[in-house]
Amino acid sequence: QTTGGIARLATLLNQRKEAAEKRGPVLVLDGGDWTMGTLFHTITRETGAELQLLKRLGYDAVAIGNHEFDFRPQGLARMIRAAGREVGELMPILSANMVFSPEHSEDDGLEALATEGVVKPYVVIEKGGLRFGVLGLMGIDAKEVSPAMWPVTFEEPIASSQKVIKQLLETEDVDVIIAASHCGVLRNEDGQWYGEEVDLVKAVPEIDVVVGGHSHTALKEPISRNGAVIVQAGADSRFLGELRMQYSKAGLKLLSYNLHPIDDSIPGDPIITAEIERFKSIVTDKVLQAKHFDFDQALVEVEQDFGRSYDEYVLGNLVTDAIRRATGAEIAFTGNGTIR
């Protein structure tokens, strides 16, 4: 009954890569928001646990999402540094439209990583005789819902991608252009897809593939617009998206796309499972033990499922009741949209 799990993702990823590499070059990419939302984020500034695991899983590049800034720019810088100390050279961490502040020092740690080339606008990956240009983008909605980014700002993604793609084509001589995009897609009542990633490929025809994020959309079929393909694999490691394309001088041709579910039918990779257990122990020692809790301890059982939509209040009621109990207050308030 379990869905998700990065150890299961590791097993499935190894299986699919082994099969795919017999046919041609394989890239493993992430569209952002690879941290936050679980107890593991309580130690991410000290360990960079999520980045460590993505490196061990063999990701070629990852985009920066808005939740990477939940501990502010300096927190993001700390988690990147911490992961690098543990696993050595990290995969490229991408953001083509990120702008640092010349007036404020709160983003200096992140800017230093950019100067060193750990965080970069794009990366060129050579595999199978092809040159892939991969750029990272932060969307407009993503930046607007994350005030903790300050003093980092983000340029409009279409204009930024146009500048970077000009460089990729004229200077880097790439064959394929991929946007690791934290912009998102939406669906209207008629079932038609729209949103920032659709706007992106309409405005920037040089983009071949968008590996999307932010909207947490599990696309069962790719969105094809303006000769480009948009894919997105939901959230919480519940799916692995597998896109197969055929390259020729005339362009890219879509061969197949699968959204593989991740559940208990997939055994967890033992090495990654051991790493997760190590991180759980650190969370218990550094965070929970002082309150006499441990990571795997069940605190409460309820008779209803916890939904994630805004019109389901079971989890919100539990949170507010817990606040009242802890503080002795008669009334407590919480925002349903801020619960993770």
Protein backbone atom coordinates (compact mmCIF):
# COMPACT_ATOMS: atom_id res chain seq x y z
CA GLN A 1 0.00 0.00 0.00
CA THR A 2 2.99 2.34 0.25
CA THR A 3 3.55 4.80 -2.60
CA GLY A 4 6.84 6.53 -3.32
CA GLY A 5 10.16 6.07 -1.61
CA ILE A 6 13.57 7.00 -2.95
CA ALA A 7 15.02 3.52 -2.27
CA ARG A 8 12.31 2.03 -4.51
CA LEU A 9 12.99 4.78 -7.04
CA ALA A 10 16.66 3.76 -7.04
CA THR A 11 15.77 0.13 -7.83
CA LEU A 12 13.40 1.09 -10.64
CA LEU A 13 15.81 3.66 -12.04
CA ASN A 14 18.63 1.10 -12.22
CA GLN A 15 16.34 -1.36 -13.99
CA ARG A 16 15.10 1.15 -16.55
CA LYS A 17 18.56 2.62 -17.17
CA GLU A 18 20.04 -0.81 -17.83
CA ALA A 19 17.36 -1.51 -20.42
CA ALA A 20 17.52 1.95 -22.00
CA GLU A 21 21.30 2.20 -22.25
CA LYS A 22 21.27 -0.71 -24.71
CA ARG A 23 19.42 1.56 -27.14
CA GLY A 24 21.21 4.88 -26.71
CA PRO A 25 22.28 7.67 -24.34
CA VAL A 26 20.26 8.15 -21.13
CA LEU A 27 19.84 11.32 -19.07
CA VAL A 28 18.31 11.41 -15.58
CA LEU A 29 16.88 14.83 -14.68
CA ASP A 30 14.76 16.47 -11.98
CA GLY A 31 12.58 19.57 -12.30
CA GLY A 32 13.08 20.93 -8.76
CA ASP A 33 11.64 20.74 -5.24
CA TRP A 34 13.90 17.88 -4.25
CA THR A 35 13.86 18.93 -0.61
CA MET A 36 11.29 19.85 2.08
CA GLY A 37 8.06 18.29 3.23
CA THR A 38 9.28 15.50 5.55
CA LEU A 39 11.26 15.13 8.76
CA PHE A 40 14.43 14.75 6.67
CA HIS A 41 14.40 18.46 5.90
CA THR A 42 15.06 19.20 9.57
CA ILE A 43 18.70 18.12 9.01
CA THR A 44 19.12 19.15 5.38
CA ARG A 45 21.28 22.19 6.15
CA GLU A 46 23.68 19.97 8.10
CA THR A 47 23.68 16.95 5.75
CA GLY A 48 22.24 17.86 2.34
CA ALA A 49 20.63 14.43 2.60
CA GLU A 50 18.35 14.76 -0.42
CA LEU A 51 21.17 15.96 -2.69
CA GLN A 52 23.40 13.16 -1.45
CA LEU A 53 20.78 10.61 -2.45
CA LEU A 54 20.16 12.18 -5.87
CA LYS A 55 23.89 12.02 -6.53
CA ARG A 56 24.01 8.37 -5.48
CA LEU A 57 21.05 7.62 -7.77
CA GLY A 58 23.04 8.96 -10.73
CA TYR A 59 21.12 12.12 -11.64
CA ASP A 60 22.84 14.06 -14.42
CA ALA A 61 21.39 17.45 -13.42
CA VAL A 62 18.67 18.94 -11.20
CA ALA A 63 16.81 22.24 -11.37
CA ILE A 64 16.32 24.48 -8.34
CA GLY A 65 12.69 24.71 -7.19
CA ASN A 66 11.04 27.21 -4.91
CA HIS A 67 11.07 24.89 -1.89
CA GLU A 68 14.85 24.73 -2.05
CA PHE A 69 14.63 28.27 -0.62
CA ASP A 70 12.44 27.40 2.38
CA PHE A 71 15.52 27.82 4.60
CA ARG A 72 16.41 30.98 2.66
CA PRO A 73 19.37 31.34 0.24
CA GLN A 74 21.94 30.73 2.94
CA GLY A 75 20.13 27.55 3.97
CA LEU A 76 20.24 26.30 0.37
CA ALA A 77 23.94 27.12 0.20
CA ARG A 78 24.56 25.20 3.42
CA MET A 79 22.75 22.07 2.20
CA ILE A 80 24.70 22.09 -1.07
CA ARG A 81 28.00 22.48 0.79
CA ALA A 82 27.07 19.72 3.24
CA ALA A 83 26.18 17.27 0.47
CA GLY A 84 29.40 18.05 -1.37
CA ARG A 85 31.47 17.27 1.72
CA GLU A 86 29.88 13.82 1.87
CA VAL A 87 29.77 12.70 -1.77
CA GLY A 88 32.38 14.89 -3.46
CA GLU A 89 31.48 16.58 -6.75
CA LEU A 90 27.72 17.01 -7.08
CA MET A 91 25.66 16.83 -10.25
CA PRO A 92 25.06 20.26 -11.87
CA ILE A 93 22.44 22.30 -9.98
CA LEU A 94 20.73 24.50 -12.54
CA SER A 95 18.96 27.86 -12.65
CA ALA A 96 19.30 30.04 -15.75
CA ASN A 97 17.19 32.96 -14.49
CA MET A 98 18.46 33.35 -10.93
CA VAL A 99 19.81 36.83 -10.07
CA PHE A 100 21.90 37.65 -7.00
CA SER A 101 21.69 40.91 -5.09
CA PRO A 102 24.69 43.27 -5.24
CA GLU A 103 23.38 45.22 -2.24
CA HIS A 104 22.60 42.45 0.26
CA SER A 105 24.82 39.75 1.74
CA GLU A 106 22.12 37.19 2.57
CA ASP A 107 22.67 35.39 -0.74
CA ASP A 108 26.48 35.56 -0.76
CA GLY A 109 26.90 31.88 0.10
CA LEU A 110 24.74 30.81 -2.83
CA GLU A 111 26.44 33.31 -5.13
CA ALA A 112 29.82 31.82 -4.17
CA LEU A 113 28.58 28.39 -5.30
CA ALA A 114 27.58 29.95 -8.61
CA THR A 115 31.02 31.53 -8.97
CA GLU A 116 32.57 28.11 -8.36
CA GLY A 117 30.33 26.51 -11.00
CA VAL A 118 28.45 24.22 -8.61
CA VAL A 119 25.24 26.15 -9.32
CA LYS A 120 25.07 27.15 -12.99
CA PRO A 121 22.59 28.34 -15.65
CA TYR A 122 23.07 25.32 -17.87
CA VAL A 123 25.21 22.25 -18.47
CA VAL A 124 26.32 20.53 -21.67
CA ILE A 125 26.27 16.73 -21.35
CA GLU A 126 27.95 14.61 -24.01
CA LYS A 127 26.59 11.09 -24.35
CA GLY A 128 26.32 8.67 -27.25
CA GLY A 129 27.87 11.10 -29.70
CA LEU A 130 25.30 13.82 -28.92
CA ARG A 131 25.63 17.12 -27.07
CA PHE A 132 22.67 17.82 -24.78
CA GLY A 133 22.20 21.36 -23.48
CA VAL A 134 20.19 21.35 -20.24
CA LEU A 135 19.09 24.62 -18.63
CA GLY A 136 17.23 25.17 -15.37
CA LEU A 137 14.31 27.59 -15.01
CA MET A 138 12.29 28.99 -12.10
CA GLY A 139 8.71 29.85 -13.01
CA ILE A 140 6.79 33.04 -12.28
CA ASP A 141 4.26 31.40 -9.97
CA ALA A 142 7.01 29.46 -8.20
CA LYS A 143 8.92 32.61 -7.32
CA GLU A 144 5.78 34.48 -6.26
CA VAL A 145 4.83 31.85 -3.67
CA SER A 146 8.31 31.84 -2.08
CA PRO A 147 9.14 35.08 -0.25
CA ALA A 148 11.99 33.27 1.52
CA MET A 149 14.03 33.59 -1.69
CA TRP A 150 14.89 37.21 -0.87
CA PRO A 151 17.27 38.81 -1.78
CA VAL A 152 17.58 36.38 -4.69
CA THR A 153 15.33 37.34 -7.60
CA PHE A 154 14.46 35.64 -10.87
CA GLU A 155 14.22 37.03 -14.38
CA GLU A 156 11.24 36.21 -16.55
CA PRO A 157 11.90 32.58 -17.68
CA ILE A 158 11.10 32.97 -21.39
CA ALA A 159 13.50 35.89 -21.87
CA SER A 160 16.20 34.15 -19.81
CA SER A 161 15.87 30.89 -21.74
CA GLN A 162 16.13 32.72 -25.06
CA LYS A 163 19.47 34.25 -24.01
CA VAL A 164 20.86 30.95 -22.73
CA ILE A 165 19.66 28.97 -25.75
CA LYS A 166 21.38 31.42 -28.09
CA GLN A 167 24.61 30.61 -26.27
CA LEU A 168 23.91 26.86 -26.33
CA LEU A 169 23.39 26.90 -30.10
CA GLU A 170 26.04 29.39 -31.18
CA THR A 171 28.82 28.71 -28.68
CA GLU A 172 28.22 25.23 -27.28
CA ASP A 173 27.00 23.70 -30.57
CA VAL A 174 24.45 21.42 -28.85
CA ASP A 175 22.25 18.92 -30.68
CA VAL A 176 19.36 18.75 -28.21
CA ILE A 177 17.98 21.41 -25.82
CA ILE A 178 16.21 20.34 -22.62
CA ALA A 179 14.62 22.67 -20.07
CA ALA A 180 14.56 21.36 -16.50
CA SER A 181 11.67 23.62 -15.64
CA HIS A 182 10.10 24.52 -12.31
CA CYS A 183 7.22 26.31 -14.01
CA GLY A 184 4.31 23.86 -14.21
CA VAL A 185 1.28 23.00 -16.31
CA LEU A 186 -2.46 23.25 -15.62
CA ARG A 187 -5.58 21.74 -17.16
CA ASN A 188 -8.81 23.59 -17.91
CA GLU A 189 -12.35 22.25 -17.68
CA ASP A 190 -12.22 21.12 -21.31
CA GLY A 191 -9.21 18.93 -20.56
CA GLN A 192 -6.79 21.19 -22.45
CA TRP A 193 -3.32 21.77 -21.02
CA TYR A 194 -2.03 25.30 -20.50
CA GLY A 195 0.37 27.10 -18.17
CA GLU A 196 3.90 28.41 -18.03
CA GLU A 197 5.59 25.38 -19.58
CA VAL A 198 3.17 25.41 -22.51
CA ASP A 199 3.83 29.14 -22.93
CA LEU A 200 7.56 28.46 -22.77
CA VAL A 201 7.70 26.04 -25.70
CA LYS A 202 5.36 28.24 -27.76
CA ALA A 203 7.64 31.24 -27.28
CA VAL A 204 10.96 29.38 -27.52
CA PRO A 205 10.75 26.90 -30.42
CA GLU A 206 14.36 25.82 -30.00
CA ILE A 207 13.45 23.82 -26.87
CA ASP A 208 13.07 20.12 -27.65
CA VAL A 209 12.03 18.69 -24.26
CA VAL A 210 10.70 20.13 -20.99
CA VAL A 211 11.18 18.07 -17.84
CA GLY A 212 8.73 19.93 -15.65
CA GLY A 213 7.97 20.53 -12.01
CA HIS A 214 6.19 22.82 -9.53
CA SER A 215 2.59 21.89 -10.41
CA HIS A 216 3.06 18.31 -9.13
CA THR A 217 1.37 17.00 -12.27
CA ALA A 218 1.59 13.28 -13.02
CA LEU A 219 1.37 13.41 -16.80
CA LYS A 220 0.28 10.03 -18.14
CA GLU A 221 0.82 11.27 -21.69
CA PRO A 222 3.35 13.86 -22.85
CA ILE A 223 2.12 17.28 -23.93
CA SER A 224 3.26 18.05 -27.48
CA ARG A 225 3.37 21.70 -28.50
CA ASN A 226 5.29 23.55 -31.19
CA GLY A 227 7.49 20.52 -31.89
CA ALA A 228 8.47 20.15 -28.21
CA VAL A 229 7.51 17.50 -25.67
CA ILE A 230 6.57 18.36 -22.05
CA VAL A 231 6.73 15.66 -19.36
CA GLN A 232 6.26 15.74 -15.60
CA ALA A 233 6.27 12.91 -13.06
CA GLY A 234 4.11 14.24 -10.24
CA ALA A 235 5.64 14.64 -6.79
CA ASP A 236 6.92 12.76 -3.72
CA SER A 237 8.80 10.15 -5.81
CA ARG A 238 5.48 8.48 -6.59
CA PHE A 239 6.42 8.02 -10.25
CA LEU A 240 9.39 7.69 -12.55
CA GLY A 241 8.84 9.22 -15.96
CA GLU A 242 10.57 7.54 -18.91
CA LEU A 243 10.68 9.40 -22.22
CA ARG A 244 12.20 7.82 -25.34
CA MET A 245 13.13 10.03 -28.28
CA GLN A 246 14.84 9.32 -31.61
CA TYR A 247 17.38 11.85 -32.86
CA SER A 248 18.09 12.78 -36.45
CA LYS A 249 19.32 15.93 -38.15
CA ALA A 250 15.68 16.69 -38.95
CA GLY A 251 14.86 16.83 -35.25
CA LEU A 252 13.57 14.65 -32.43
CA LYS A 253 10.81 12.10 -32.82
CA LEU A 254 8.74 10.85 -29.88
CA LEU A 255 8.96 7.07 -29.59
CA SER A 256 7.32 6.32 -26.24
CA TYR A 257 6.56 7.67 -22.79
CA ASN A 258 5.74 5.79 -19.58
CA LEU A 259 4.86 6.99 -16.11
CA HIS A 260 6.02 4.15 -13.89
CA PRO A 261 4.27 3.98 -10.48
CA ILE A 262 6.48 3.43 -7.45
CA ASP A 263 4.94 1.21 -4.76
CA ASP A 264 5.56 -1.85 -2.62
CA SER A 265 5.87 -4.11 -5.65
CA ILE A 266 9.38 -2.62 -6.05
CA PRO A 267 11.98 -3.65 -3.46
CA GLY A 268 14.06 -0.83 -2.04
CA ASP A 269 17.70 -0.65 -3.08
CA PRO A 270 19.64 -1.94 -0.03
CA ILE A 271 22.43 0.65 -0.23
CA ILE A 272 20.00 3.57 -0.47
CA THR A 273 17.83 2.02 2.28
CA ALA A 274 20.88 1.92 4.56
CA GLU A 275 21.57 5.59 3.81
CA ILE A 276 17.97 6.50 4.63
CA GLU A 277 18.18 4.62 7.93
CA ARG A 278 21.35 6.58 8.73
CA PHE A 279 19.58 9.87 8.05
CA LYS A 280 16.61 8.75 10.19
CA SER A 281 19.00 8.14 13.08
CA ILE A 282 20.46 11.62 12.68
CA VAL A 283 16.96 13.16 12.74
CA THR A 284 16.15 11.24 15.92
CA ASP A 285 19.43 12.21 17.61
CA LYS A 286 19.50 15.87 16.58
CA VAL A 287 15.80 16.78 16.56
CA LEU A 288 13.38 14.29 18.10
CA GLN A 289 15.21 12.77 21.04
CA ALA A 290 14.98 15.94 23.11
CA LYS A 291 11.17 15.54 23.02
CA HIS A 292 11.42 11.78 23.71
CA PHE A 293 10.34 10.82 20.20
CA ASP A 294 12.02 8.76 17.50
CA PHE A 295 11.63 8.78 13.71
CA ASP A 296 9.49 5.66 13.35
CA GLN A 297 7.26 6.32 16.35
CA ALA A 298 3.53 6.52 15.64
CA LEU A 299 2.19 9.56 17.49
CA VAL A 300 -1.50 9.27 16.70
CA GLU A 301 -3.95 7.11 14.76
CA VAL A 302 -7.01 8.50 13.02
CA GLU A 303 -10.04 6.95 11.36
CA GLN A 304 -9.98 9.13 8.22
CA ASP A 305 -7.42 9.60 5.46
CA PHE A 306 -5.40 12.81 5.37
CA GLY A 307 -6.21 14.50 2.06
CA ARG A 308 -4.10 17.22 0.45
CA SER A 309 -6.77 19.30 -1.27
CA TYR A 310 -7.81 22.66 0.11
CA ASP A 311 -11.37 21.56 0.86
CA GLU A 312 -10.37 18.64 3.12
CA TYR A 313 -9.95 19.69 6.73
CA VAL A 314 -9.10 16.47 8.59
CA LEU A 315 -5.38 17.22 8.76
CA GLY A 316 -6.01 20.92 9.44
CA ASN A 317 -8.28 20.05 12.36
CA LEU A 318 -5.65 17.72 13.78
CA VAL A 319 -2.98 20.43 13.53
CA THR A 320 -5.13 23.09 15.22
CA ASP A 321 -6.21 20.69 17.95
CA ALA A 322 -2.57 19.82 18.56
CA ILE A 323 -1.68 23.50 18.84
CA ARG A 324 -4.51 24.02 21.35
CA ARG A 325 -3.41 21.02 23.38
CA ALA A 326 0.26 22.06 23.40
CA THR A 327 -0.41 25.69 24.36
CA GLY A 328 -3.53 25.41 26.50
CA ALA A 329 -5.26 27.83 24.13
CA GLU A 330 -9.01 27.93 23.59
CA ILE A 331 -8.67 28.82 19.88
CA ALA A 332 -6.00 28.01 17.29
CA PHE A 333 -5.68 28.95 13.63
CA THR A 334 -3.79 27.31 10.79
CA GLY A 335 -3.86 27.77 7.02
CA ASN A 336 -4.80 24.62 5.11
CA GLY A 337 -2.53 25.66 2.24
CA THR A 338 0.54 25.91 4.46
CA ILE A 339 0.44 22.34 5.81
CA ARG A 340 3.06 20.02 4.29
